[in-house]
Structure formats: structure tokens, C-alpha cells
Protein backbone atom coordinates (compact mmCIF):
# COMPACT_ATOMS: atom_id res chain seq x y z
CA MET A 1 193.40 235.22 56.95
CA ALA A 2 193.33 231.38 56.22
CA CYS A 3 190.80 229.25 56.18
CA HIS A 4 189.93 225.94 59.29
CA SER A 5 190.55 222.59 56.92
CA ALA A 6 186.67 221.49 57.61
CA THR A 7 186.29 224.96 55.34
CA SER A 8 189.04 225.18 53.01
CA SER A 9 187.38 223.46 49.86
CA ALA A 10 184.46 225.61 50.30
CA CYS A 11 187.02 228.86 50.51
CA PHE A 12 189.50 226.97 47.95
CA SER A 13 186.23 227.26 45.45
CA GLN A 14 184.70 230.58 46.34
CA THR A 15 188.31 232.12 44.89
CA PRO A 16 187.74 234.05 41.77
CA GLU A 17 191.23 232.74 40.59
CA THR A 18 189.89 229.15 41.12
CA ASN A 19 186.81 229.37 39.54
CA ALA A 20 188.70 230.24 36.75
CA ALA A 21 191.55 227.65 36.79
CA LEU A 22 188.98 224.56 37.11
CA GLY A 23 187.07 227.05 34.27
CA GLN A 24 190.02 226.23 32.34
CA ILE A 25 190.59 223.12 33.58
CA LEU A 26 186.74 221.77 32.57
CA ALA A 27 187.15 223.44 29.02
CA SER A 28 190.21 221.79 28.35
CA ILE A 29 188.58 218.26 29.41
CA ASN A 30 185.57 219.17 27.24
CA GLN A 31 187.89 219.75 24.23
CA LEU A 32 189.50 216.85 25.07
CA VAL A 33 186.41 214.66 24.75
CA LEU A 34 185.23 216.82 21.62
CA ASP A 35 188.89 216.35 19.90
CA GLN A 36 188.57 212.10 21.01
CA LYS A 37 185.34 212.11 19.29
CA ASN A 38 186.28 213.43 16.12
CA PHE A 39 189.09 211.86 15.91
CA GLN A 40 186.93 208.79 16.22
CA LYS A 41 184.96 209.69 13.54
CA LEU A 42 187.69 210.07 11.32
CA VAL A 43 188.99 206.67 12.31
CA ILE A 44 185.71 205.10 11.18
CA ARG A 45 185.80 207.68 8.12
CA GLN A 46 189.29 206.23 6.63
CA LEU A 47 188.43 202.55 7.80
CA ALA A 48 185.32 202.42 5.43
CA ASN A 49 187.46 203.93 2.94
CA ILE A 50 189.64 201.01 3.38
CA THR A 51 186.65 198.63 3.19
CA THR A 52 185.70 200.43 -0.11
CA ASP A 53 189.25 200.46 -1.86
CA LEU A 54 189.74 196.63 -0.47
CA ALA A 55 186.46 195.22 -1.93
CA GLU A 56 187.20 197.75 -5.71
CA VAL A 57 190.75 195.86 -5.19
CA VAL A 58 189.51 192.36 -5.22
CA ARG A 59 186.71 192.98 -7.81
CA ILE A 60 189.42 194.72 -9.83
CA THR A 61 191.29 191.30 -9.21
CA SER A 62 188.57 188.87 -9.80
CA LYS A 63 188.08 190.60 -13.06
CA ASN A 64 191.11 189.94 -14.14
CA THR A 65 191.63 186.87 -13.15
CA SER A 66 190.83 185.62 -16.00
CA GLN A 67 193.56 187.42 -17.66
CA LEU A 68 196.46 185.73 -15.81
CA VAL A 69 195.76 182.19 -17.99
CA GLU A 70 198.30 179.89 -17.09
CA VAL A 71 200.14 177.34 -19.39
CA PHE A 72 198.29 174.34 -20.09
CA ASP A 73 200.89 171.42 -21.34
CA VAL A 74 199.00 168.73 -23.46
CA PRO A 75 201.72 166.22 -25.54
CA GLY A 76 202.37 166.60 -29.44
CA ILE A 77 199.31 169.97 -29.25
CA ASP A 78 200.19 173.51 -29.35
CA LEU A 79 197.81 175.63 -27.63
CA PRO A 80 195.79 177.18 -29.22
CA ILE A 81 195.50 174.19 -31.77
CA ASN A 82 195.37 175.10 -35.80
CA THR A 83 195.43 171.71 -37.65
CA SER A 84 192.49 169.28 -37.35
CA GLN A 85 195.43 166.38 -36.46
CA GLU A 86 196.35 167.89 -32.97
CA PHE A 87 192.15 168.80 -33.00
CA HIS A 88 191.52 164.88 -32.89
CA ALA A 89 194.81 164.41 -30.59
CA LEU A 90 192.63 166.26 -28.00
CA HIS A 91 189.80 164.61 -28.16
CA GLN A 92 191.51 161.19 -27.86
CA TRP A 93 193.92 162.71 -25.16
CA LEU A 94 190.45 163.85 -23.52
CA THR A 95 189.48 160.37 -23.29
CA SER A 96 191.00 160.18 -20.04
CA THR A 97 188.51 161.52 -17.09
CA GLU A 98 191.65 162.33 -15.00
CA LYS A 99 192.69 164.46 -17.97
CA LYS A 100 189.51 165.92 -18.60
CA ALA A 101 189.35 167.07 -15.37
CA LYS A 102 192.44 168.92 -15.23
CA PHE A 103 191.50 170.39 -18.07
CA VAL A 104 188.04 171.74 -17.46
CA HIS A 105 190.07 173.11 -14.58
CA PHE A 106 192.44 175.09 -17.20
CA LEU A 107 189.02 176.27 -18.73
CA LYS A 108 187.77 177.36 -15.67
CA GLY A 109 191.40 179.38 -15.31
CA ILE A 110 190.37 181.76 -18.55
CA GLY A 111 186.62 182.94 -17.28
CA GLY A 112 184.30 185.81 -18.70
CA GLU A 113 181.49 187.37 -17.28
CA ASP A 114 179.03 185.81 -18.61
CA THR A 115 178.45 182.52 -20.72
CA ASP A 116 178.76 184.08 -23.97
CA THR A 117 182.03 185.56 -23.38
CA PHE A 118 182.98 182.85 -21.15
CA VAL A 119 182.94 180.88 -24.57
CA LYS A 120 183.91 182.18 -27.29
CA ARG A 121 187.52 183.19 -24.47
CA ILE A 122 187.57 179.43 -24.51
CA LEU A 123 187.54 178.94 -28.17
CA SER A 124 190.33 181.94 -28.67
CA ARG A 125 192.40 180.67 -26.51
CA VAL A 126 192.05 176.96 -27.69
CA ILE A 127 191.21 177.03 -31.18
CA GLY A 128 193.64 178.67 -33.61
CA GLY A 129 192.64 180.78 -36.71
CA ASP A 130 193.43 178.32 -38.80
CA LEU A 131 191.42 175.40 -37.60
CA ALA A 132 188.91 177.69 -37.30
CA ASN A 133 188.56 178.62 -40.96
CA SER A 134 188.85 174.57 -41.80
CA SER A 135 186.41 173.81 -38.83
CA ASN A 136 182.41 174.35 -38.21
CA PHE A 137 180.17 173.14 -35.81
CA ILE A 138 178.13 170.59 -37.60
CA GLY A 139 181.24 169.65 -40.56
CA ALA A 140 179.75 170.61 -43.12
CA ASN A 141 181.00 170.83 -46.66
CA ASN A 142 183.59 168.02 -45.44
CA LYS A 143 185.65 170.72 -42.92
CA THR A 144 185.99 169.72 -39.75
CA LYS A 145 183.45 168.55 -37.16
CA PHE A 146 183.15 170.36 -33.50
CA GLN A 147 180.14 169.23 -32.36
CA GLY A 148 180.06 166.24 -30.49
CA HIS A 149 184.52 166.55 -29.51
CA ALA A 150 185.62 166.35 -26.08
CA LEU A 151 186.55 169.35 -25.86
CA MET A 152 182.81 170.67 -26.24
CA GLU A 153 181.73 168.55 -22.92
CA CYS A 154 185.35 170.47 -21.58
CA ILE A 155 183.70 173.90 -22.27
CA LEU A 156 180.30 172.86 -20.85
CA ALA A 157 181.96 171.64 -17.46
CA ALA A 158 183.97 174.88 -17.54
CA VAL A 159 181.21 177.29 -18.07
CA ARG A 160 179.02 176.01 -15.22
CA LYS A 161 179.21 176.50 -11.66
CA GLN A 162 178.52 173.49 -9.70
CA PRO A 163 179.27 169.33 -11.68
CA GLU A 164 175.40 169.57 -10.81
CA ASP A 165 174.37 172.44 -12.73
CA THR A 166 172.15 172.33 -15.53
CA ILE A 167 172.12 176.26 -16.65
CA PRO A 168 173.69 176.89 -19.04
CA THR A 169 172.11 173.75 -21.18
CA GLU A 170 174.27 171.91 -23.55
CA PHE A 171 172.19 173.65 -26.30
CA GLN A 172 172.77 177.35 -25.02
CA CYS A 173 176.95 176.31 -25.03
CA GLU A 174 176.67 174.92 -28.62
CA ARG A 175 174.63 178.08 -29.59
CA VAL A 176 177.77 180.10 -28.58
CA SER A 177 180.14 177.84 -29.64
CA GLU A 178 178.42 177.67 -33.54
CA SER A 179 179.36 181.73 -33.56
CA GLY A 180 182.11 181.90 -31.51
CA PHE A 181 183.50 179.92 -34.88
CA TRP A 182 182.30 182.20 -37.00
CA ASP A 183 183.85 185.74 -34.46
CA LEU A 184 187.14 183.27 -34.75
CA VAL A 185 187.10 183.00 -38.70
CA ILE A 186 186.27 186.72 -39.20
CA ALA A 187 189.06 187.90 -36.82
CA THR A 188 191.27 185.80 -38.77
CA GLU A 189 189.88 187.05 -41.98
CA GLY A 190 190.57 190.52 -40.62
CA GLU A 191 194.20 189.74 -39.84
CA ARG A 192 194.92 188.07 -42.82
CA SER A 193 193.68 191.39 -44.69
CA VAL A 194 196.14 193.71 -42.64
CA ARG A 195 198.88 191.82 -43.02
CA ARG A 196 198.25 191.86 -46.78
CA LYS A 197 198.21 195.52 -46.96
CA THR A 198 200.82 196.06 -44.53
CA PHE A 199 203.22 193.19 -46.81
């Protein structure tokens, strides 16, 4: 028998078939809500992974930037410098404030994880093996003197993050530079030894 309109909703809800259908609908809705929550969690995890990956890319790129050193052109001078004449010519070239600023910018691009690494990378990029063998920091034994050269000022300015910084100190850079010259001499002697054995 058909229900009156006033009680049709009650009749409808009491039907076993409709109860089952409603149960299925509610179950589907609950499943959709659960799926949506799981999807949101998945998206959040993926975004977190992407953020981590991007941070790693930035770290690696930053670390390797120093390997992408630009070519710096100094008229009449080839880097790395291998003669005392070119070394003195560089000193004269750096008397210009504008040129010195450009050279410091170039040296900053060489980069390094710390002061020791930074200074030694600069020396290996600017000073060739022949010059390293014919010079030392204080000019002892009539060798070309590095101390007081304009390059030392540029190295100090390049290693410091800001012009007003006082760290590293001039003494620290001089100490590392002196050690760096010995490293270049040793490396050059090693290369020559290998060449003699090879040829």
C-alpha cells in the first residue's frame, strides 16, 4: 500500500532495500573522504621530497660553482702566471682600483669551503708551477717575492665575505699563501717526475 506524502520519508527510510542503499552510499562517501585524506598525505609527502631534492640540488650547485671559473683576461698576461715579468706586470695592472675590483670579483668566483681551500685554489689558478718554483713568500734566496704583491690584497678581499670583515686576518691569509706556494712547488715537482718516467 502506498504511503501518504506526509509520512513518505518515514516509510522510505524503513524499507530494508533503501537502508541497504543508504548504507552503500554512506560507505562510498566515507571511502571517498578516506581516499582524499590519503591523497593529501601522499601529495604532502611528495612535496616534502621535492623540497628536499631541490635543497640538495642547490647545495651541490653551490659546491660546484667554484669549478665553473670564468676566464679572466689581463692584457699581456696568461693565467696561470709562470714568469716573474708577468707577475710584476700583474702588480702594475692591479694599481687601478677598478681593475682590482674586477680581479677580486674573479677570484671570489674560484671559491672554496674554507680559508685554506679558498686561498690555495686561488694560488693554483693564478700562479703556475714555474713561477712557484722561482719564488717564495718572503723573496728569500733572490727569488721572486710574493709578500707585498697586489695579488695578496686581492686574495684577502676575495676570501672575506664583506669588505668590512676582519676575518680571515691578513696574517691567516699570508700563512696559507706561504703554505700554498710549497704545495704548488711539490705538485710541480711531482708532475716533472712523472714526465721524466714517462718519456
